[in-house]
Amino acid sequence: MTKTMHMLEIYDLDDFTGDNPVILSGNFIVFGPEGRKYYILNLVHPIEYEEQQVSRVAIRPHYDGDPIVKVIESICTVEIALPGSDTDYQEGKGYGFNDFVFWKVGKINPSHH
């Protein structure tokens, strides 16, 4: 399967000084708390947050009515979560509240390059 490339614009940059937007490659879907689906992506260039290297994020639609496919295939406002400590997302598995550290809101779109 070819990985889909995405651009993610991060809103509210108060505690973030990295590149914006960031480029990511899409991986797979996992299941989170409250029946929500999350799209797991790898950052092409890891970012630093609270003195740790972040190379993977989990995103979900910001608006309740938006399906996860909108995050993957079109422009969508999203909630961005960082992995919880010791969380290594695996395709199709379910995760709890402690496996997602909610961080920012942003806008994702498929990259055209």
PDB file of N, CA and C in Angstrom:
ATOM      1  N   MET A   1       0.839  -1.191   0.000  1.00  0.00           N
ATOM      2  CA  MET A   1       0.000   0.000   0.000  1.00  0.00           C
ATOM      3  C   MET A   1       0.879   1.248   0.000  1.00  0.00           C
ATOM      4  N   THR A   2       0.594   2.175  -0.869  1.00  0.00           N
ATOM      5  CA  THR A   2       1.337   3.422  -0.935  1.00  0.00           C
ATOM      6  C   THR A   2       0.911   4.324   0.214  1.00  0.00           C
ATOM      7  N   LYS A   3       1.886   4.877   0.882  1.00  0.00           N
ATOM      8  CA  LYS A   3       1.568   5.788   1.983  1.00  0.00           C
ATOM      9  C   LYS A   3       1.104   7.122   1.423  1.00  0.00           C
ATOM     10  N   THR A   4       0.051   7.655   2.014  1.00  0.00           N
ATOM     11  CA  THR A   4      -0.467   8.950   1.613  1.00  0.00           C
ATOM     12  C   THR A   4       0.307  10.031   2.346  1.00  0.00           C
ATOM     13  N   MET A   5       0.756  11.022   1.612  1.00  0.00           N
ATOM     14  CA  MET A   5       1.453  12.146   2.220  1.00  0.00           C
ATOM     15  C   MET A   5       0.432  13.234   2.546  1.00  0.00           C
ATOM     16  N   HIS A   6       0.668  13.934   3.653  1.00  0.00           N
ATOM     17  CA  HIS A   6      -0.243  14.977   4.113  1.00  0.00           C
ATOM     18  C   HIS A   6       0.544  16.192   4.573  1.00  0.00           C
ATOM     19  N   MET A   7      -0.126  17.331   4.528  1.00  0.00           N
ATOM     20  CA  MET A   7       0.382  18.550   5.155  1.00  0.00           C
ATOM     21  C   MET A   7      -0.560  18.855   6.313  1.00  0.00           C
ATOM     22  N   LEU A   8       0.018  19.197   7.461  1.00  0.00           N
ATOM     23  CA  LEU A   8      -0.761  19.498   8.649  1.00  0.00           C
ATOM     24  C   LEU A   8      -0.373  20.872   9.162  1.00  0.00           C
ATOM     25  N   GLU A   9      -1.329  21.792   9.111  1.00  0.00           N
ATOM     26  CA  GLU A   9      -1.126  23.132   9.663  1.00  0.00           C
ATOM     27  C   GLU A   9      -1.553  23.090  11.126  1.00  0.00           C
ATOM     28  N   ILE A  10      -0.659  23.505  11.996  1.00  0.00           N
ATOM     29  CA  ILE A  10      -0.918  23.477  13.434  1.00  0.00           C
ATOM     30  C   ILE A  10      -1.381  24.853  13.879  1.00  0.00           C
ATOM     31  N   TYR A  11      -2.516  24.888  14.579  1.00  0.00           N
ATOM     32  CA  TYR A  11      -3.042  26.143  15.117  1.00  0.00           C
ATOM     33  C   TYR A  11      -2.486  26.358  16.524  1.00  0.00           C
ATOM     34  N   ASP A  12      -2.560  27.594  17.036  1.00  0.00           N
ATOM     35  CA  ASP A  12      -2.129  27.923  18.397  1.00  0.00           C
ATOM     36  C   ASP A  12      -0.690  27.482  18.637  1.00  0.00           C
ATOM     37  N   LEU A  13       0.225  28.326  18.223  1.00  0.00           N
ATOM     38  CA  LEU A  13       1.647  27.982  18.282  1.00  0.00           C
ATOM     39  C   LEU A  13       2.343  28.480  19.546  1.00  0.00           C
ATOM     40  N   ASP A  14       1.592  28.740  20.615  1.00  0.00           N
ATOM     41  CA  ASP A  14       2.184  29.293  21.842  1.00  0.00           C
ATOM     42  C   ASP A  14       3.384  28.512  22.348  1.00  0.00           C
ATOM     43  N   ASP A  15       3.321  27.193  22.356  1.00  0.00           N
ATOM     44  CA  ASP A  15       4.431  26.395  22.884  1.00  0.00           C
ATOM     45  C   ASP A  15       5.059  25.510  21.812  1.00  0.00           C
ATOM     46  N   PHE A  16       5.009  25.959  20.564  1.00  0.00           N
ATOM     47  CA  PHE A  16       5.565  25.183  19.462  1.00  0.00           C
ATOM     48  C   PHE A  16       6.343  26.104  18.539  1.00  0.00           C
ATOM     49  N   THR A  17       7.597  25.754  18.271  1.00  0.00           N
ATOM     50  CA  THR A  17       8.441  26.602  17.430  1.00  0.00           C
ATOM     51  C   THR A  17       8.949  25.877  16.181  1.00  0.00           C
ATOM     52  N   GLY A  18       8.451  24.683  15.931  1.00  0.00           N
ATOM     53  CA  GLY A  18       8.911  23.912  14.777  1.00  0.00           C
ATOM     54  C   GLY A  18       8.308  24.405  13.476  1.00  0.00           C
ATOM     55  N   ASP A  19       8.588  23.667  12.402  1.00  0.00           N
ATOM     56  CA  ASP A  19       8.036  23.987  11.087  1.00  0.00           C
ATOM     57  C   ASP A  19       6.513  23.917  11.131  1.00  0.00           C
ATOM     58  N   ASN A  20       5.891  24.801  10.383  1.00  0.00           N
ATOM     59  CA  ASN A  20       4.441  24.792  10.280  1.00  0.00           C
ATOM     60  C   ASN A  20       4.063  25.305   8.903  1.00  0.00           C
ATOM     61  N   PRO A  21       3.432  24.524   8.049  1.00  0.00           N
ATOM     62  CA  PRO A  21       2.889  23.196   8.324  1.00  0.00           C
ATOM     63  C   PRO A  21       3.973  22.122   8.376  1.00  0.00           C
ATOM     64  N   VAL A  22       3.599  20.952   8.891  1.00  0.00           N
ATOM     65  CA  VAL A  22       4.487  19.797   8.917  1.00  0.00           C
ATOM     66  C   VAL A  22       4.031  18.807   7.859  1.00  0.00           C
ATOM     67  N   ILE A  23       4.973  18.016   7.378  1.00  0.00           N
ATOM     68  CA  ILE A  23       4.684  16.996   6.368  1.00  0.00           C
ATOM     69  C   ILE A  23       4.667  15.642   7.073  1.00  0.00           C
ATOM     70  N   LEU A  24       3.643  14.844   6.751  1.00  0.00           N
ATOM     71  CA  LEU A  24       3.493  13.545   7.399  1.00  0.00           C
ATOM     72  C   LEU A  24       3.171  12.472   6.375  1.00  0.00           C
ATOM     73  N   SER A  25       3.441  11.228   6.743  1.00  0.00           N
ATOM     74  CA  SER A  25       2.997  10.099   5.927  1.00  0.00           C
ATOM     75  C   SER A  25       1.995   9.296   6.739  1.00  0.00           C
ATOM     76  N   GLY A  26       0.857   9.004   6.110  1.00  0.00           N
ATOM     77  CA  GLY A  26      -0.207   8.280   6.785  1.00  0.00           C
ATOM     78  C   GLY A  26       0.109   6.808   6.925  1.00  0.00           C
ATOM     79  N   ASN A  27      -0.344   6.233   8.027  1.00  0.00           N
ATOM     80  CA  ASN A  27      -0.089   4.823   8.293  1.00  0.00           C
ATOM     81  C   ASN A  27      -1.358   3.989   8.339  1.00  0.00           C
ATOM     82  N   PHE A  28      -2.137   4.139   9.397  1.00  0.00           N
ATOM     83  CA  PHE A  28      -3.280   3.261   9.613  1.00  0.00           C
ATOM     84  C   PHE A  28      -4.222   3.873  10.639  1.00  0.00           C
ATOM     85  N   ILE A  29      -5.330   3.176  10.867  1.00  0.00           N
ATOM     86  CA  ILE A  29      -6.366   3.611  11.806  1.00  0.00           C
ATOM     87  C   ILE A  29      -6.278   2.759  13.076  1.00  0.00           C
ATOM     88  N   VAL A  30      -6.462   3.416  14.227  1.00  0.00           N
ATOM     89  CA  VAL A  30      -6.620   2.696  15.495  1.00  0.00           C
ATOM     90  C   VAL A  30      -7.922   3.161  16.139  1.00  0.00           C
ATOM     91  N   PHE A  31      -8.352   2.429  17.131  1.00  0.00           N
ATOM     92  CA  PHE A  31      -9.594   2.743  17.832  1.00  0.00           C
ATOM     93  C   PHE A  31      -9.258   3.305  19.202  1.00  0.00           C
ATOM     94  N   GLY A  32      -9.847   4.451  19.508  1.00  0.00           N
ATOM     95  CA  GLY A  32      -9.600   5.109  20.779  1.00  0.00           C
ATOM     96  C   GLY A  32     -10.805   5.058  21.684  1.00  0.00           C
ATOM     97  N   PRO A  33     -10.716   5.791  22.797  1.00  0.00           N
ATOM     98  CA  PRO A  33     -11.833   5.805  23.734  1.00  0.00           C
ATOM     99  C   PRO A  33     -13.091   6.399  23.106  1.00  0.00           C
ATOM    100  N   GLU A  34     -14.211   6.049  23.661  1.00  0.00           N
ATOM    101  CA  GLU A  34     -15.516   6.554  23.236  1.00  0.00           C
ATOM    102  C   GLU A  34     -15.836   6.215  21.782  1.00  0.00           C
ATOM    103  N   GLY A  35     -15.262   5.118  21.281  1.00  0.00           N
ATOM    104  CA  GLY A  35     -15.561   4.675  19.929  1.00  0.00           C
ATOM    105  C   GLY A  35     -14.976   5.538  18.826  1.00  0.00           C
ATOM    106  N   ARG A  36     -14.056   6.427  19.172  1.00  0.00           N
ATOM    107  CA  ARG A  36     -13.461   7.316  18.156  1.00  0.00           C
ATOM    108  C   ARG A  36     -12.338   6.609  17.409  1.00  0.00           C
ATOM    109  N   LYS A  37     -12.220   6.920  16.132  1.00  0.00           N
ATOM    110  CA  LYS A  37     -11.132   6.388  15.311  1.00  0.00           C
ATOM    111  C   LYS A  37     -10.060   7.468  15.178  1.00  0.00           C
ATOM    112  N   TYR A  38      -8.812   7.038  15.171  1.00  0.00           N
ATOM    113  CA  TYR A  38      -7.667   7.926  15.034  1.00  0.00           C
ATOM    114  C   TYR A  38      -6.816   7.467  13.858  1.00  0.00           C
ATOM    115  N   TYR A  39      -6.331   8.433  13.104  1.00  0.00           N
ATOM    116  CA  TYR A  39      -5.436   8.173  11.978  1.00  0.00           C
ATOM    117  C   TYR A  39      -4.023   8.394  12.496  1.00  0.00           C
ATOM    118  N   ILE A  40      -3.179   7.381  12.366  1.00  0.00           N
ATOM    119  CA  ILE A  40      -1.810   7.444  12.859  1.00  0.00           C
ATOM    120  C   ILE A  40      -0.897   7.832  11.697  1.00  0.00           C
ATOM    121  N   LEU A  41      -0.076   8.853  11.936  1.00  0.00           N
ATOM    122  CA  LEU A  41       0.835   9.353  10.904  1.00  0.00           C
ATOM    123  C   LEU A  41       2.239   9.513  11.473  1.00  0.00           C
ATOM    124  N   ASN A  42       3.237   9.369  10.604  1.00  0.00           N
ATOM    125  CA  ASN A  42       4.624   9.645  10.969  1.00  0.00           C
ATOM    126  C   ASN A  42       5.016  11.007  10.427  1.00  0.00           C
ATOM    127  N   LEU A  43       5.709  11.786  11.237  1.00  0.00           N
ATOM    128  CA  LEU A  43       6.234  13.067  10.770  1.00  0.00           C
ATOM    129  C   LEU A  43       7.474  12.801   9.922  1.00  0.00           C
ATOM    130  N   VAL A  44       7.571  13.424   8.764  1.00  0.00           N
ATOM    131  CA  VAL A  44       8.739  13.269   7.911  1.00  0.00           C
ATOM    132  C   VAL A  44       9.975  13.812   8.636  1.00  0.00           C
ATOM    133  N   HIS A  45       9.803  14.927   9.338  1.00  0.00           N
ATOM    134  CA  HIS A  45      10.869  15.509  10.155  1.00  0.00           C
ATOM    135  C   HIS A  45      10.350  15.593  11.582  1.00  0.00           C
ATOM    136  N   PRO A  46      10.861  14.736  12.482  1.00  0.00           N
ATOM    137  CA  PRO A  46      10.366  14.758  13.865  1.00  0.00           C
ATOM    138  C   PRO A  46      10.446  16.158  14.476  1.00  0.00           C
ATOM    139  N   ILE A  47       9.540  16.403  15.422  1.00  0.00           N
ATOM    140  CA  ILE A  47       9.525  17.690  16.122  1.00  0.00           C
ATOM    141  C   ILE A  47       9.924  17.463  17.572  1.00  0.00           C
ATOM    142  N   GLU A  48      10.297  18.536  18.234  1.00  0.00           N
ATOM    143  CA  GLU A  48      10.610  18.435  19.647  1.00  0.00           C
ATOM    144  C   GLU A  48       9.492  19.082  20.439  1.00  0.00           C
ATOM    145  N   TYR A  49       9.032  18.367  21.455  1.00  0.00           N
ATOM    146  CA  TYR A  49       7.993  18.889  22.328  1.00  0.00           C
ATOM    147  C   TYR A  49       8.321  18.455  23.752  1.00  0.00           C
ATOM    148  N   GLU A  50       8.410  19.424  24.649  1.00  0.00           N
ATOM    149  CA  GLU A  50       8.761  19.163  26.049  1.00  0.00           C
ATOM    150  C   GLU A  50       9.997  18.284  26.157  1.00  0.00           C
ATOM    151  N   GLU A  51      11.026  18.663  25.389  1.00  0.00           N
ATOM    152  CA  GLU A  51      12.345  18.033  25.399  1.00  0.00           C
ATOM    153  C   GLU A  51      12.339  16.577  24.946  1.00  0.00           C
ATOM    154  N   GLN A  52      11.311  16.177  24.185  1.00  0.00           N
ATOM    155  CA  GLN A  52      11.279  14.834  23.630  1.00  0.00           C
ATOM    156  C   GLN A  52      11.061  14.906  22.129  1.00  0.00           C
ATOM    157  N   GLN A  53      11.658  13.964  21.422  1.00  0.00           N
ATOM    158  CA  GLN A  53      11.457  13.875  19.976  1.00  0.00           C
ATOM    159  C   GLN A  53      10.115  13.205  19.708  1.00  0.00           C
ATOM    160  N   VAL A  54       9.300  13.840  18.895  1.00  0.00           N
ATOM    161  CA  VAL A  54       8.005  13.284  18.516  1.00  0.00           C
ATOM    162  C   VAL A  54       8.075  12.936  17.033  1.00  0.00           C
ATOM    163  N   SER A  55       7.856  11.670  16.704  1.00  0.00           N
ATOM    164  CA  SER A  55       7.929  11.252  15.306  1.00  0.00           C
ATOM    165  C   SER A  55       6.596  10.705  14.792  1.00  0.00           C
ATOM    166  N   ARG A  56       5.602  10.611  15.689  1.00  0.00           N
ATOM    167  CA  ARG A  56       4.303  10.050  15.304  1.00  0.00           C
ATOM    168  C   ARG A  56       3.208  10.829  16.023  1.00  0.00           C
ATOM    169  N   VAL A  57       2.092  11.028  15.321  1.00  0.00           N
ATOM    170  CA  VAL A  57       0.926  11.676  15.920  1.00  0.00           C
ATOM    171  C   VAL A  57      -0.326  10.855  15.610  1.00  0.00           C
ATOM    172  N   ALA A  58      -1.354  11.083  16.406  1.00  0.00           N
ATOM    173  CA  ALA A  58      -2.667  10.473  16.193  1.00  0.00           C
ATOM    174  C   ALA A  58      -3.647  11.617  15.994  1.00  0.00           C
ATOM    175  N   ILE A  59      -4.404  11.584  14.923  1.00  0.00           N
ATOM    176  CA  ILE A  59      -5.361  12.663  14.696  1.00  0.00           C
ATOM    177  C   ILE A  59      -6.755  12.090  14.493  1.00  0.00           C
ATOM    178  N   ARG A  60      -7.734  12.908  14.829  1.00  0.00           N
ATOM    179  CA  ARG A  60      -9.135  12.543  14.630  1.00  0.00           C
ATOM    180  C   ARG A  60      -9.871  13.791  14.173  1.00  0.00           C
ATOM    181  N   PRO A  61     -11.021  13.622  13.537  1.00  0.00           N
ATOM    182  CA  PRO A  61     -11.792  14.797  13.126  1.00  0.00           C
ATOM    183  C   PRO A  61     -12.163  15.642  14.340  1.00  0.00           C
ATOM    184  N   HIS A  62     -12.090  16.941  14.177  1.00  0.00           N
ATOM    185  CA  HIS A  62     -12.440  17.866  15.257  1.00  0.00           C
ATOM    186  C   HIS A  62     -13.956  17.937  15.450  1.00  0.00           C
ATOM    187  N   TYR A  63     -14.679  17.863  14.353  1.00  0.00           N
ATOM    188  CA  TYR A  63     -16.140  17.964  14.411  1.00  0.00           C
ATOM    189  C   TYR A  63     -16.752  16.576  14.429  1.00  0.00           C
ATOM    190  N   ASP A  64     -17.672  16.338  15.348  1.00  0.00           N
ATOM    191  CA  ASP A  64     -18.245  15.014  15.571  1.00  0.00           C
ATOM    192  C   ASP A  64     -18.830  14.363  14.322  1.00  0.00           C
ATOM    193  N   GLY A  65     -19.425  15.119  13.436  1.00  0.00           N
ATOM    194  CA  GLY A  65     -20.059  14.529  12.262  1.00  0.00           C
ATOM    195  C   GLY A  65     -19.106  14.105  11.164  1.00  0.00           C
ATOM    196  N   ASP A  66     -17.841  14.498  11.252  1.00  0.00           N
ATOM    197  CA  ASP A  66     -16.882  14.169  10.194  1.00  0.00           C
ATOM    198  C   ASP A  66     -16.351  12.746  10.360  1.00  0.00           C
ATOM    199  N   PRO A  67     -16.425  11.927   9.310  1.00  0.00           N
ATOM    200  CA  PRO A  67     -15.888  10.567   9.389  1.00  0.00           C
ATOM    201  C   PRO A  67     -14.356  10.582   9.273  1.00  0.00           C
ATOM    202  N   ILE A  68     -13.726   9.530   9.749  1.00  0.00           N
ATOM    203  CA  ILE A  68     -12.255   9.437   9.705  1.00  0.00           C
ATOM    204  C   ILE A  68     -11.740   9.482   8.266  1.00  0.00           C
ATOM    205  N   VAL A  69     -12.527   9.007   7.306  1.00  0.00           N
ATOM    206  CA  VAL A  69     -12.085   9.026   5.909  1.00  0.00           C
ATOM    207  C   VAL A  69     -11.859  10.458   5.416  1.00  0.00           C
ATOM    208  N   LYS A  70     -12.587  11.425   5.965  1.00  0.00           N
ATOM    209  CA  LYS A  70     -12.388  12.822   5.573  1.00  0.00           C
ATOM    210  C   LYS A  70     -10.987  13.293   5.962  1.00  0.00           C
ATOM    211  N   VAL A  71     -10.495  12.821   7.099  1.00  0.00           N
ATOM    212  CA  VAL A  71      -9.141  13.165   7.547  1.00  0.00           C
ATOM    213  C   VAL A  71      -8.106  12.647   6.552  1.00  0.00           C
ATOM    214  N   ILE A  72      -8.363  11.480   6.004  1.00  0.00           N
ATOM    215  CA  ILE A  72      -7.402  10.832   5.113  1.00  0.00           C
ATOM    216  C   ILE A  72      -7.447  11.396   3.701  1.00  0.00           C
ATOM    217  N   GLU A  73      -8.649  11.697   3.204  1.00  0.00           N
ATOM    218  CA  GLU A  73      -8.814  12.002   1.783  1.00  0.00           C
ATOM    219  C   GLU A  73      -9.044  13.456   1.424  1.00  0.00           C
ATOM    220  N   SER A  74      -9.329  14.326   2.395  1.00  0.00           N
ATOM    221  CA  SER A  74      -9.634  15.706   2.027  1.00  0.00           C
ATOM    222  C   SER A  74      -9.161  16.673   3.112  1.00  0.00           C
ATOM    223  N   ILE A  75      -9.476  17.930   2.937  1.00  0.00           N
ATOM    224  CA  ILE A  75      -9.120  18.942   3.927  1.00  0.00           C
ATOM    225  C   ILE A  75     -10.073  18.813   5.107  1.00  0.00           C
ATOM    226  N   CYS A  76      -9.519  18.794   6.316  1.00  0.00           N
ATOM    227  CA  CYS A  76     -10.345  18.555   7.489  1.00  0.00           C
ATOM    228  C   CYS A  76      -9.707  19.208   8.718  1.00  0.00           C
ATOM    229  N   THR A  77     -10.532  19.825   9.548  1.00  0.00           N
ATOM    230  CA  THR A  77     -10.060  20.329  10.840  1.00  0.00           C
ATOM    231  C   THR A  77      -9.940  19.127  11.771  1.00  0.00           C
ATOM    232  N   VAL A  78      -8.799  19.029  12.458  1.00  0.00           N
ATOM    233  CA  VAL A  78      -8.506  17.838  13.260  1.00  0.00           C
ATOM    234  C   VAL A  78      -8.004  18.200  14.653  1.00  0.00           C
ATOM    235  N   GLU A  79      -8.156  17.250  15.549  1.00  0.00           N
ATOM    236  CA  GLU A  79      -7.525  17.300  16.857  1.00  0.00           C
ATOM    237  C   GLU A  79      -6.261  16.457  16.755  1.00  0.00           C
ATOM    238  N   ILE A  80      -5.169  16.998  17.279  1.00  0.00           N
ATOM    239  CA  ILE A  80      -3.870  16.341  17.181  1.00  0.00           C
ATOM    240  C   ILE A  80      -3.495  15.823  18.566  1.00  0.00           C
ATOM    241  N   ALA A  81      -3.173  14.541  18.638  1.00  0.00           N
ATOM    242  CA  ALA A  81      -2.748  13.942  19.902  1.00  0.00           C
ATOM    243  C   ALA A  81      -1.349  13.358  19.718  1.00  0.00           C
ATOM    244  N   LEU A  82      -0.579  13.423  20.770  1.00  0.00           N
ATOM    245  CA  LEU A  82       0.728  12.781  20.806  1.00  0.00           C
ATOM    246  C   LEU A  82       0.556  11.440  21.510  1.00  0.00           C
ATOM    247  N   PRO A  83       1.421  10.466  21.213  1.00  0.00           N
ATOM    248  CA  PRO A  83       1.295   9.179  21.886  1.00  0.00           C
ATOM    249  C   PRO A  83       1.535   9.327  23.389  1.00  0.00           C
ATOM    250  N   GLY A  84       0.778   8.574  24.164  1.00  0.00           N
ATOM    251  CA  GLY A  84       1.025   8.530  25.601  1.00  0.00           C
ATOM    252  C   GLY A  84       2.359   7.848  25.862  1.00  0.00           C
ATOM    253  N   SER A  85       2.870   7.971  27.070  1.00  0.00           N
ATOM    254  CA  SER A  85       4.162   7.357  27.379  1.00  0.00           C
ATOM    255  C   SER A  85       4.072   5.848  27.142  1.00  0.00           C
ATOM    256  N   ASP A  86       5.064   5.324  26.475  1.00  0.00           N
ATOM    257  CA  ASP A  86       5.164   3.896  26.160  1.00  0.00           C
ATOM    258  C   ASP A  86       4.061   3.384  25.236  1.00  0.00           C
ATOM    259  N   THR A  87       3.385   4.259  24.502  1.00  0.00           N
ATOM    260  CA  THR A  87       2.359   3.817  23.562  1.00  0.00           C
ATOM    261  C   THR A  87       2.981   3.627  22.190  1.00  0.00           C
ATOM    262  N   ASP A  88       2.830   2.423  21.645  1.00  0.00           N
ATOM    263  CA  ASP A  88       3.301   2.112  20.295  1.00  0.00           C
ATOM    264  C   ASP A  88       2.085   1.616  19.514  1.00  0.00           C
ATOM    265  N   TYR A  89       1.471   2.523  18.766  1.00  0.00           N
ATOM    266  CA  TYR A  89       0.232   2.189  18.068  1.00  0.00           C
ATOM    267  C   TYR A  89       0.431   1.040  17.080  1.00  0.00           C
ATOM    268  N   GLN A  90      -0.534   0.124  17.068  1.00  0.00           N
ATOM    269  CA  GLN A  90      -0.542  -1.002  16.140  1.00  0.00           C
ATOM    270  C   GLN A  90      -1.864  -0.974  15.378  1.00  0.00           C
ATOM    271  N   GLU A  91      -1.802  -1.224  14.088  1.00  0.00           N
ATOM    272  CA  GLU A  91      -2.976  -1.131  13.217  1.00  0.00           C
ATOM    273  C   GLU A  91      -4.163  -1.930  13.738  1.00  0.00           C
ATOM    274  N   GLY A  92      -5.335  -1.274  13.766  1.00  0.00           N
ATOM    275  CA  GLY A  92      -6.579  -1.931  14.106  1.00  0.00           C
ATOM    276  C   GLY A  92      -6.823  -2.184  15.587  1.00  0.00           C
ATOM    277  N   LYS A  93      -5.862  -1.874  16.439  1.00  0.00           N
ATOM    278  CA  LYS A  93      -6.019  -2.142  17.878  1.00  0.00           C
ATOM    279  C   LYS A  93      -6.769  -1.009  18.569  1.00  0.00           C
ATOM    280  N   GLY A  94      -7.240  -1.284  19.784  1.00  0.00           N
ATOM    281  CA  GLY A  94      -7.950  -0.302  20.580  1.00  0.00           C
ATOM    282  C   GLY A  94      -7.062   0.261  21.678  1.00  0.00           C
ATOM    283  N   TYR A  95      -7.255   1.537  21.986  1.00  0.00           N
ATOM    284  CA  TYR A  95      -6.435   2.232  22.985  1.00  0.00           C
ATOM    285  C   TYR A  95      -7.318   3.065  23.897  1.00  0.00           C
ATOM    286  N   GLY A  96      -6.815   3.347  25.097  1.00  0.00           N
ATOM    287  CA  GLY A  96      -7.569   4.090  26.100  1.00  0.00           C
ATOM    288  C   GLY A  96      -7.153   5.545  26.199  1.00  0.00           C
ATOM    289  N   PHE A  97      -7.766   6.242  27.139  1.00  0.00           N
ATOM    290  CA  PHE A  97      -7.518   7.675  27.320  1.00  0.00           C
ATOM    291  C   PHE A  97      -6.037   7.990  27.548  1.00  0.00           C
ATOM    292  N   ASN A  98      -5.324   7.158  28.274  1.00  0.00           N
ATOM    293  CA  ASN A  98      -3.917   7.438  28.590  1.00  0.00           C
ATOM    294  C   ASN A  98      -2.976   7.248  27.407  1.00  0.00           C
ATOM    295  N   ASP A  99      -3.489   6.687  26.320  1.00  0.00           N
ATOM    296  CA  ASP A  99      -2.652   6.448  25.141  1.00  0.00           C
ATOM    297  C   ASP A  99      -2.620   7.635  24.177  1.00  0.00           C
ATOM    298  N   PHE A 100      -3.368   8.685  24.506  1.00  0.00           N
ATOM    299  CA  PHE A 100      -3.422   9.881  23.662  1.00  0.00           C
ATOM    300  C   PHE A 100      -3.236  11.113  24.548  1.00  0.00           C
ATOM    301  N   VAL A 101      -2.276  11.953  24.201  1.00  0.00           N
ATOM    302  CA  VAL A 101      -2.065  13.206  24.921  1.00  0.00           C
ATOM    303  C   VAL A 101      -2.534  14.312  23.975  1.00  0.00           C
ATOM    304  N   PHE A 102      -3.718  14.867  24.246  1.00  0.00           N
ATOM    305  CA  PHE A 102      -4.261  15.875  23.336  1.00  0.00           C
ATOM    306  C   PHE A 102      -3.399  17.118  23.379  1.00  0.00           C
ATOM    307  N   TRP A 103      -3.066  17.627  22.186  1.00  0.00           N
ATOM    308  CA  TRP A 103      -2.050  18.653  22.068  1.00  0.00           C
ATOM    309  C   TRP A 103      -2.571  19.905  21.380  1.00  0.00           C
ATOM    310  N   LYS A 104      -3.001  19.802  20.163  1.00  0.00           N
ATOM    311  CA  LYS A 104      -3.365  20.972  19.358  1.00  0.00           C
ATOM    312  C   LYS A 104      -4.554  20.654  18.461  1.00  0.00           C
ATOM    313  N   VAL A 105      -5.044  21.707  17.835  1.00  0.00           N
ATOM    314  CA  VAL A 105      -6.021  21.588  16.753  1.00  0.00           C
ATOM    315  C   VAL A 105      -5.312  22.071  15.498  1.00  0.00           C
ATOM    316  N   GLY A 106      -5.675  21.521  14.368  1.00  0.00           N
ATOM    317  CA  GLY A 106      -5.041  21.933  13.121  1.00  0.00           C
ATOM    318  C   GLY A 106      -5.919  21.609  11.937  1.00  0.00           C
ATOM    319  N   LYS A 107      -5.319  21.724  10.760  1.00  0.00           N
ATOM    320  CA  LYS A 107      -6.019  21.428   9.505  1.00  0.00           C
ATOM    321  C   LYS A 107      -5.109  20.537   8.676  1.00  0.00           C
ATOM    322  N   ILE A 108      -5.646  19.385   8.262  1.00  0.00           N
ATOM    323  CA  ILE A 108      -4.866  18.449   7.464  1.00  0.00           C
ATOM    324  C   ILE A 108      -5.399  18.427   6.037  1.00  0.00           C
ATOM    325  N   ASN A 109      -4.495  18.209   5.092  1.00  0.00           N
ATOM    326  CA  ASN A 109      -4.933  17.969   3.724  1.00  0.00           C
ATOM    327  C   ASN A 109      -3.929  17.078   3.023  1.00  0.00           C
ATOM    328  N   PRO A 110      -4.409  16.300   2.052  1.00  0.00           N
ATOM    329  CA  PRO A 110      -3.476  15.449   1.293  1.00  0.00           C
ATOM    330  C   PRO A 110      -2.486  16.328   0.539  1.00  0.00           C
ATOM    331  N   SER A 111      -1.241  15.952   0.598  1.00  0.00           N
ATOM    332  CA  SER A 111      -0.204  16.697  -0.096  1.00  0.00           C
ATOM    333  C   SER A 111      -0.277  16.409  -1.594  1.00  0.00           C
ATOM    334  N   HIS A 112       0.083  17.393  -2.388  1.00  0.00           N
ATOM    335  CA  HIS A 112       0.014  17.240  -3.840  1.00  0.00           C
ATOM    336  C   HIS A 112       1.402  17.173  -4.469  1.00  0.00           C
ATOM    337  N   HIS A 113       2.366  16.635  -3.717  1.00  0.00           N
ATOM    338  CA  HIS A 113       3.704  16.486  -4.295  1.00  0.00           C
ATOM    339  C   HIS A 113       4.330  15.182  -3.922  1.00  0.00           C
TER     340      HIS A 113
END
